[in-house]
Amino acid sequence: GNVTVRKNIFRGLTDCTHPGTNNSQLFLTGGSGQYSSIQDNTASESCAYWLLGYSSPKTIVENNHISTNIPLPISPKAGNQNWTIRGNHIQGQTTRGAIWIQDFGSMGNIEINFNLIQMSGDSGIALKLLSSDPSGPIYVNRNTFIGHVDADYLKENKGPWTLSKNVIINSSTSSDKITRNGAIVEERLLLINNLNGNLSDNIIDSKGEFTPDYQHLIGAHGHQMGSRPSRPPFNPID
């Protein structure tokens, strides 16, 4: 049946002494025909996952605020189709992935958009896409990622993964600020009109919003909505 989880406070999962047991504050185990809505919640103090999803199609994860170094805040893990992860704010530090699409089993048609992810340390991973067989498309559009974006094991029969009009700020040495791990077929990794930089470029302020020199991009790149001030055209780095 349908499940709605809204306006709750999650905290206090502090015992994760049994690895591999999927410790989580919220675990969707799904089933065919289920619709799930996870909205407007606040989460902190988890030693593993906040949200973990298995075989839970047609799920929206929206406007949640997640903080205090949760290792795996949002993670569709296996057999998930038609997820939308939208408008969430994740703060803290994790080297696993603030949004981690683990992609075991048949996964695909996942949309990630209008999220603000702020990692507090240089090694933090804002987004990790990890593929297995088989897998379908993932669309990552209009997010602000302050932290690394990892693409792992993307083969010719997987994806495509499309990243468009995101703001990606990290210390990666690659010009597109995407860290590639394992075999990657570049034709299946579609990077379209993203704005990339380092923290020292002063593109984003401490609130995750555009600094004055970049405010003309509001409503066009990153998570911020609204109209752009009138400024000369700007060509972001692909």
C-alpha atoms as a PDB file:
ATOM      1  CA  GLY A   1       0.000   0.000   0.000  1.00  0.00           C
ATOM      2  CA  ASN A   2       0.901   3.676   0.059  1.00  0.00           C
ATOM      3  CA  VAL A   3       3.282   5.054   2.685  1.00  0.00           C
ATOM      4  CA  THR A   4       3.730   8.686   3.793  1.00  0.00           C
ATOM      5  CA  VAL A   5       6.443   9.705   6.270  1.00  0.00           C
ATOM      6  CA  ARG A   6       6.215  13.443   6.907  1.00  0.00           C
ATOM      7  CA  LYS A   7       7.411  16.036   9.439  1.00  0.00           C
ATOM      8  CA  ASN A   8       9.156  13.617  11.777  1.00  0.00           C
ATOM      9  CA  ILE A   9      12.400  13.956  13.720  1.00  0.00           C
ATOM     10  CA  PHE A  10      14.858  11.061  13.437  1.00  0.00           C
ATOM     11  CA  ARG A  11      17.778  10.801  15.845  1.00  0.00           C
ATOM     12  CA  GLY A  12      19.635   8.510  18.212  1.00  0.00           C
ATOM     13  CA  LEU A  13      20.715   5.512  16.085  1.00  0.00           C
ATOM     14  CA  THR A  14      24.105   5.091  17.753  1.00  0.00           C
ATOM     15  CA  ASP A  15      24.745   1.328  17.816  1.00  0.00           C
ATOM     16  CA  CYS A  16      25.946  -0.010  14.453  1.00  0.00           C
ATOM     17  CA  THR A  17      28.202  -2.740  15.814  1.00  0.00           C
ATOM     18  CA  HIS A  18      26.952  -5.371  13.361  1.00  0.00           C
ATOM     19  CA  PRO A  19      28.249  -4.460   9.895  1.00  0.00           C
ATOM     20  CA  GLY A  20      26.310  -5.630   6.869  1.00  0.00           C
ATOM     21  CA  THR A  21      22.950  -5.540   8.643  1.00  0.00           C
ATOM     22  CA  ASN A  22      21.664  -2.361   6.980  1.00  0.00           C
ATOM     23  CA  ASN A  23      21.263  -0.307  10.150  1.00  0.00           C
ATOM     24  CA  SER A  24      18.940   2.561   9.230  1.00  0.00           C
ATOM     25  CA  GLN A  25      16.507   5.005  10.749  1.00  0.00           C
ATOM     26  CA  LEU A  26      14.051   4.540   7.881  1.00  0.00           C
ATOM     27  CA  PHE A  27      14.024   1.347   5.770  1.00  0.00           C
ATOM     28  CA  LEU A  28      11.706   1.002   2.780  1.00  0.00           C
ATOM     29  CA  THR A  29      11.301  -2.666   1.879  1.00  0.00           C
ATOM     30  CA  GLY A  30       8.706  -1.967  -0.773  1.00  0.00           C
ATOM     31  CA  GLY A  31       6.840  -4.288  -3.035  1.00  0.00           C
ATOM     32  CA  SER A  32       5.032  -3.905  -6.335  1.00  0.00           C
ATOM     33  CA  GLY A  33       2.364  -1.228  -6.429  1.00  0.00           C
ATOM     34  CA  GLN A  34       3.715   0.750  -3.494  1.00  0.00           C
ATOM     35  CA  TYR A  35       3.925   4.536  -3.582  1.00  0.00           C
ATOM     36  CA  SER A  36       6.075   6.178  -0.897  1.00  0.00           C
ATOM     37  CA  SER A  37       6.378   9.838   0.080  1.00  0.00           C
ATOM     38  CA  ILE A  38       9.204  10.873   2.438  1.00  0.00           C
ATOM     39  CA  GLN A  39       8.849  14.623   2.994  1.00  0.00           C
ATOM     40  CA  ASP A  40       9.779  17.451   5.368  1.00  0.00           C
ATOM     41  CA  ASN A  41      11.626  15.315   7.914  1.00  0.00           C
ATOM     42  CA  THR A  42      14.673  16.156  10.022  1.00  0.00           C
ATOM     43  CA  ALA A  43      17.385  13.564  10.657  1.00  0.00           C
ATOM     44  CA  SER A  44      20.577  13.423  12.708  1.00  0.00           C
ATOM     45  CA  GLU A  45      22.631  11.048  14.869  1.00  0.00           C
ATOM     46  CA  SER A  46      22.663   7.933  12.733  1.00  0.00           C
ATOM     47  CA  CYS A  47      25.716   5.706  12.635  1.00  0.00           C
ATOM     48  CA  ALA A  48      24.680   4.207   9.274  1.00  0.00           C
ATOM     49  CA  TYR A  49      21.775   5.045   6.947  1.00  0.00           C
ATOM     50  CA  TRP A  50      19.007   7.556   7.400  1.00  0.00           C
ATOM     51  CA  LEU A  51      16.923   6.353   4.436  1.00  0.00           C
ATOM     52  CA  LEU A  52      17.568   2.958   2.839  1.00  0.00           C
ATOM     53  CA  GLY A  53      15.441   1.597   0.005  1.00  0.00           C
ATOM     54  CA  TYR A  54      14.963  -1.950  -1.310  1.00  0.00           C
ATOM     55  CA  SER A  55      12.461  -2.766  -4.068  1.00  0.00           C
ATOM     56  CA  SER A  56      10.429   0.365  -3.388  1.00  0.00           C
ATOM     57  CA  PRO A  57       9.295   1.780  -6.719  1.00  0.00           C
ATOM     58  CA  LYS A  58       7.612   5.140  -7.184  1.00  0.00           C
ATOM     59  CA  THR A  59       9.169   6.954  -4.233  1.00  0.00           C
ATOM     60  CA  ILE A  60       9.632  10.675  -3.664  1.00  0.00           C
ATOM     61  CA  VAL A  61      12.170  11.952  -1.122  1.00  0.00           C
ATOM     62  CA  GLU A  62      11.616  15.684  -0.789  1.00  0.00           C
ATOM     63  CA  ASN A  63      12.473  18.687   1.403  1.00  0.00           C
ATOM     64  CA  ASN A  64      14.227  16.726   4.144  1.00  0.00           C
ATOM     65  CA  HIS A  65      16.978  18.258   6.291  1.00  0.00           C
ATOM     66  CA  ILE A  66      19.769  15.874   7.243  1.00  0.00           C
ATOM     67  CA  SER A  67      22.778  16.807   9.371  1.00  0.00           C
ATOM     68  CA  THR A  68      25.544  15.761  11.772  1.00  0.00           C
ATOM     69  CA  ASN A  69      27.754  13.470   9.716  1.00  0.00           C
ATOM     70  CA  ILE A  70      25.356  10.618   8.922  1.00  0.00           C
ATOM     71  CA  PRO A  71      27.465   8.133   6.898  1.00  0.00           C
ATOM     72  CA  LEU A  72      24.725   7.288   4.350  1.00  0.00           C
ATOM     73  CA  PRO A  73      21.904   9.833   4.423  1.00  0.00           C
ATOM     74  CA  ILE A  74      19.877   8.843   1.327  1.00  0.00           C
ATOM     75  CA  SER A  75      20.488   5.519  -0.374  1.00  0.00           C
ATOM     76  CA  PRO A  76      18.272   3.686  -2.852  1.00  0.00           C
ATOM     77  CA  LYS A  77      20.145   0.394  -2.769  1.00  0.00           C
ATOM     78  CA  ALA A  78      18.465  -2.383  -4.743  1.00  0.00           C
ATOM     79  CA  GLY A  79      15.594  -2.918  -7.141  1.00  0.00           C
ATOM     80  CA  ASN A  80      14.313   0.652  -7.116  1.00  0.00           C
ATOM     81  CA  GLN A  81      12.619   2.251 -10.110  1.00  0.00           C
ATOM     82  CA  ASN A  82      11.123   5.711 -10.470  1.00  0.00           C
ATOM     83  CA  TRP A  83      12.581   7.527  -7.480  1.00  0.00           C
ATOM     84  CA  THR A  84      12.678  11.320  -7.239  1.00  0.00           C
ATOM     85  CA  ILE A  85      15.126  12.831  -4.735  1.00  0.00           C
ATOM     86  CA  ARG A  86      14.307  16.539  -4.722  1.00  0.00           C
ATOM     87  CA  GLY A  87      14.876  19.679  -2.679  1.00  0.00           C
ATOM     88  CA  ASN A  88      16.741  18.056   0.216  1.00  0.00           C
ATOM     89  CA  HIS A  89      19.404  19.795   2.308  1.00  0.00           C
ATOM     90  CA  ILE A  90      22.224  17.590   3.588  1.00  0.00           C
ATOM     91  CA  GLN A  91      24.972  19.032   5.792  1.00  0.00           C
ATOM     92  CA  GLY A  92      27.918  17.413   7.518  1.00  0.00           C
ATOM     93  CA  GLN A  93      30.589  15.009   6.372  1.00  0.00           C
ATOM     94  CA  THR A  94      30.588  11.556   4.835  1.00  0.00           C
ATOM     95  CA  THR A  95      33.103   9.768   2.634  1.00  0.00           C
ATOM     96  CA  ARG A  96      30.459   7.242   1.542  1.00  0.00           C
ATOM     97  CA  GLY A  97      28.059   9.552  -0.300  1.00  0.00           C
ATOM     98  CA  ALA A  98      25.390  11.953   0.966  1.00  0.00           C
ATOM     99  CA  ILE A  99      23.229  10.612  -1.856  1.00  0.00           C
ATOM    100  CA  TRP A 100      24.432   7.130  -2.780  1.00  0.00           C
ATOM    101  CA  ILE A 101      22.758   5.311  -5.638  1.00  0.00           C
ATOM    102  CA  GLN A 102      24.142   1.836  -4.912  1.00  0.00           C
ATOM    103  CA  ASP A 103      22.319   0.178  -7.793  1.00  0.00           C
ATOM    104  CA  PHE A 104      22.269  -3.490  -6.837  1.00  0.00           C
ATOM    105  CA  GLY A 105      19.631  -5.328  -8.838  1.00  0.00           C
ATOM    106  CA  SER A 106      17.471  -3.688 -11.470  1.00  0.00           C
ATOM    107  CA  MET A 107      17.539   0.064 -10.891  1.00  0.00           C
ATOM    108  CA  GLY A 108      16.806   3.091 -13.013  1.00  0.00           C
ATOM    109  CA  ASN A 109      14.694   6.090 -13.881  1.00  0.00           C
ATOM    110  CA  ILE A 110      15.966   7.939 -10.838  1.00  0.00           C
ATOM    111  CA  GLU A 111      15.837  11.747 -10.737  1.00  0.00           C
ATOM    112  CA  ILE A 112      18.022  13.835  -8.408  1.00  0.00           C
ATOM    113  CA  ASN A 113      17.242  17.528  -8.589  1.00  0.00           C
ATOM    114  CA  PHE A 114      17.244  20.821  -6.651  1.00  0.00           C
ATOM    115  CA  ASN A 115      19.207  19.392  -3.704  1.00  0.00           C
ATOM    116  CA  LEU A 116      21.765  21.341  -1.671  1.00  0.00           C
ATOM    117  CA  ILE A 117      24.555  19.079  -0.407  1.00  0.00           C
ATOM    118  CA  GLN A 118      27.216  20.718   1.780  1.00  0.00           C
ATOM    119  CA  MET A 119      30.116  18.547   2.877  1.00  0.00           C
ATOM    120  CA  SER A 120      32.165  20.111   5.659  1.00  0.00           C
ATOM    121  CA  GLY A 121      35.486  18.443   4.809  1.00  0.00           C
ATOM    122  CA  ASP A 122      37.570  18.273   1.659  1.00  0.00           C
ATOM    123  CA  SER A 123      37.177  14.483   1.367  1.00  0.00           C
ATOM    124  CA  GLY A 124      33.373  14.545   1.655  1.00  0.00           C
ATOM    125  CA  ILE A 125      31.363  12.866  -1.110  1.00  0.00           C
ATOM    126  CA  ALA A 126      28.147  14.661  -2.015  1.00  0.00           C
ATOM    127  CA  LEU A 127      26.982  12.168  -4.651  1.00  0.00           C
ATOM    128  CA  LYS A 128      28.069   8.630  -5.510  1.00  0.00           C
ATOM    129  CA  LEU A 129      26.649   6.727  -8.483  1.00  0.00           C
ATOM    130  CA  LEU A 130      27.597   3.046  -8.375  1.00  0.00           C
ATOM    131  CA  SER A 131      26.207   0.765 -11.066  1.00  0.00           C
ATOM    132  CA  SER A 132      25.588  -2.943 -11.393  1.00  0.00           C
ATOM    133  CA  ASP A 133      23.857  -5.154 -13.982  1.00  0.00           C
ATOM    134  CA  PRO A 134      21.295  -4.346 -15.152  1.00  0.00           C
ATOM    135  CA  SER A 135      20.673  -0.652 -14.638  1.00  0.00           C
ATOM    136  CA  GLY A 136      18.808   2.184 -16.266  1.00  0.00           C
ATOM    137  CA  PRO A 137      19.068   5.957 -16.558  1.00  0.00           C
ATOM    138  CA  ILE A 138      19.812   8.371 -13.735  1.00  0.00           C
ATOM    139  CA  TYR A 139      19.124  12.084 -14.187  1.00  0.00           C
ATOM    140  CA  VAL A 140      20.978  14.592 -12.003  1.00  0.00           C
ATOM    141  CA  ASN A 141      19.744  18.104 -12.707  1.00  0.00           C
ATOM    142  CA  ARG A 142      20.001  21.525 -11.013  1.00  0.00           C
ATOM    143  CA  ASN A 143      21.717  20.516  -7.762  1.00  0.00           C
ATOM    144  CA  THR A 144      24.387  22.292  -5.743  1.00  0.00           C
ATOM    145  CA  PHE A 145      27.097  19.840  -4.691  1.00  0.00           C
ATOM    146  CA  ILE A 146      29.760  21.141  -2.327  1.00  0.00           C
ATOM    147  CA  GLY A 147      31.764  17.948  -2.141  1.00  0.00           C
ATOM    148  CA  HIS A 148      32.992  15.242  -4.464  1.00  0.00           C
ATOM    149  CA  VAL A 149      30.831  13.639  -7.137  1.00  0.00           C
ATOM    150  CA  ASP A 150      31.842  10.022  -7.824  1.00  0.00           C
ATOM    151  CA  ALA A 151      30.973   7.894 -10.852  1.00  0.00           C
ATOM    152  CA  ASP A 152      31.800   4.209 -10.349  1.00  0.00           C
ATOM    153  CA  TYR A 153      31.767   1.331 -12.844  1.00  0.00           C
ATOM    154  CA  LEU A 154      29.658   2.671 -15.687  1.00  0.00           C
ATOM    155  CA  LYS A 155      29.680   0.203 -18.591  1.00  0.00           C
ATOM    156  CA  GLU A 156      28.204   0.302 -22.077  1.00  0.00           C
ATOM    157  CA  ASN A 157      25.016  -1.520 -21.039  1.00  0.00           C
ATOM    158  CA  LYS A 158      24.308   0.786 -18.087  1.00  0.00           C
ATOM    159  CA  GLY A 159      22.821   4.207 -17.655  1.00  0.00           C
ATOM    160  CA  PRO A 160      23.132   6.671 -19.146  1.00  0.00           C
ATOM    161  CA  TRP A 161      23.874   8.974 -16.256  1.00  0.00           C
ATOM    162  CA  THR A 162      23.055  12.561 -17.175  1.00  0.00           C
ATOM    163  CA  LEU A 163      24.360  15.456 -15.060  1.00  0.00           C
ATOM    164  CA  SER A 164      23.086  18.825 -16.245  1.00  0.00           C
ATOM    165  CA  LYS A 165      23.097  22.400 -14.925  1.00  0.00           C
ATOM    166  CA  ASN A 166      24.545  21.431 -11.552  1.00  0.00           C
ATOM    167  CA  VAL A 167      26.981  23.444  -9.476  1.00  0.00           C
ATOM    168  CA  ILE A 168      29.871  21.166  -8.483  1.00  0.00           C
ATOM    169  CA  ILE A 169      32.465  22.507  -6.034  1.00  0.00           C
ATOM    170  CA  ASN A 170      35.335  20.310  -4.871  1.00  0.00           C
ATOM    171  CA  SER A 171      39.098  19.825  -4.988  1.00  0.00           C
ATOM    172  CA  SER A 172      39.136  17.152  -7.696  1.00  0.00           C
ATOM    173  CA  THR A 173      41.883  17.613 -10.280  1.00  0.00           C
ATOM    174  CA  SER A 174      39.574  16.690 -13.162  1.00  0.00           C
ATOM    175  CA  SER A 175      38.263  19.686 -15.093  1.00  0.00           C
ATOM    176  CA  ASP A 176      34.655  18.506 -14.790  1.00  0.00           C
ATOM    177  CA  LYS A 177      35.026  17.801 -11.040  1.00  0.00           C
ATOM    178  CA  ILE A 178      33.792  14.208 -11.460  1.00  0.00           C
ATOM    179  CA  THR A 179      35.863  11.484  -9.778  1.00  0.00           C
ATOM    180  CA  ARG A 180      35.855   8.291 -11.836  1.00  0.00           C
ATOM    181  CA  ASN A 181      36.408   4.908 -10.181  1.00  0.00           C
ATOM    182  CA  GLY A 182      36.664   1.623 -12.030  1.00  0.00           C
ATOM    183  CA  ALA A 183      35.715   1.156 -15.676  1.00  0.00           C
ATOM    184  CA  ILE A 184      33.828   4.154 -17.088  1.00  0.00           C
ATOM    185  CA  VAL A 185      32.427   4.330 -20.622  1.00  0.00           C
ATOM    186  CA  GLU A 186      32.452   8.072 -21.166  1.00  0.00           C
ATOM    187  CA  GLU A 187      29.693   7.926 -23.780  1.00  0.00           C
ATOM    188  CA  ARG A 188      27.309   6.797 -21.017  1.00  0.00           C
ATOM    189  CA  LEU A 189      28.289   9.679 -18.714  1.00  0.00           C
ATOM    190  CA  LEU A 190      26.582  12.768 -20.133  1.00  0.00           C
ATOM    191  CA  LEU A 191      27.792  16.075 -18.663  1.00  0.00           C
ATOM    192  CA  ILE A 192      25.746  19.038 -19.866  1.00  0.00           C
ATOM    193  CA  ASN A 193      26.342  22.676 -18.939  1.00  0.00           C
ATOM    194  CA  ASN A 194      27.491  22.194 -15.346  1.00  0.00           C
ATOM    195  CA  LEU A 195      29.287  24.947 -13.435  1.00  0.00           C
ATOM    196  CA  ASN A 196      32.420  23.558 -11.784  1.00  0.00           C
ATOM    197  CA  GLY A 197      34.992  25.057  -9.472  1.00  0.00           C
ATOM    198  CA  ASN A 198      37.007  25.024  -6.273  1.00  0.00           C
ATOM    199  CA  LEU A 199      35.983  26.527  -2.952  1.00  0.00           C
ATOM    200  CA  SER A 200      38.563  29.266  -3.522  1.00  0.00           C
ATOM    201  CA  ASP A 201      36.701  30.383  -6.660  1.00  0.00           C
ATOM    202  CA  ASN A 202      34.057  31.961  -4.386  1.00  0.00           C
ATOM    203  CA  ILE A 203      31.139  30.770  -6.483  1.00  0.00           C
ATOM    204  CA  ILE A 204      29.048  29.650  -3.491  1.00  0.00           C
ATOM    205  CA  ASP A 205      28.780  31.254  -0.053  1.00  0.00           C
ATOM    206  CA  SER A 206      28.549  29.535   3.345  1.00  0.00           C
ATOM    207  CA  LYS A 207      24.774  29.121   2.929  1.00  0.00           C
ATOM    208  CA  GLY A 208      25.221  27.254  -0.343  1.00  0.00           C
ATOM    209  CA  GLU A 209      23.929  30.164  -2.393  1.00  0.00           C
ATOM    210  CA  PHE A 210      25.523  32.042  -5.279  1.00  0.00           C
ATOM    211  CA  THR A 211      27.832  34.908  -4.368  1.00  0.00           C
ATOM    212  CA  PRO A 212      27.022  38.288  -5.988  1.00  0.00           C
ATOM    213  CA  ASP A 213      29.206  37.680  -9.052  1.00  0.00           C
ATOM    214  CA  TYR A 214      27.193  34.537  -9.882  1.00  0.00           C
ATOM    215  CA  GLN A 215      23.690  35.529  -8.861  1.00  0.00           C
ATOM    216  CA  HIS A 216      22.738  35.956 -12.523  1.00  0.00           C
ATOM    217  CA  LEU A 217      22.708  32.137 -12.623  1.00  0.00           C
ATOM    218  CA  ILE A 218      19.888  31.804 -10.069  1.00  0.00           C
ATOM    219  CA  GLY A 219      17.108  29.819 -11.682  1.00  0.00           C
ATOM    220  CA  ALA A 220      19.439  28.385 -14.319  1.00  0.00           C
ATOM    221  CA  HIS A 221      22.101  26.399 -12.430  1.00  0.00           C
ATOM    222  CA  GLY A 222      22.192  24.768  -9.025  1.00  0.00           C
ATOM    223  CA  HIS A 223      19.407  24.314  -6.497  1.00  0.00           C
ATOM    224  CA  GLN A 224      18.273  27.923  -6.152  1.00  0.00           C
ATOM    225  CA  MET A 225      14.906  28.825  -7.607  1.00  0.00           C
ATOM    226  CA  GLY A 226      13.757  32.220  -8.816  1.00  0.00           C
ATOM    227  CA  SER A 227      14.574  34.861 -11.381  1.00  0.00           C
ATOM    228  CA  ARG A 228      18.056  35.880 -12.389  1.00  0.00           C
ATOM    229  CA  PRO A 229      19.223  39.485 -12.019  1.00  0.00           C
ATOM    230  CA  SER A 230      20.029  41.152 -15.314  1.00  0.00           C
ATOM    231  CA  ARG A 231      23.677  40.522 -16.196  1.00  0.00           C
ATOM    232  CA  PRO A 232      25.716  39.809 -19.317  1.00  0.00           C
ATOM    233  CA  PRO A 233      25.629  36.216 -20.625  1.00  0.00           C
ATOM    234  CA  PHE A 234      27.851  33.674 -18.896  1.00  0.00           C
ATOM    235  CA  ASN A 235      29.151  30.442 -20.376  1.00  0.00           C
ATOM    236  CA  PRO A 236      29.645  27.821 -17.663  1.00  0.00           C
ATOM    237  CA  ILE A 237      32.254  25.118 -17.946  1.00  0.00           C
ATOM    238  CA  ASP A 238      30.949  21.785 -19.263  1.00  0.00           C
END
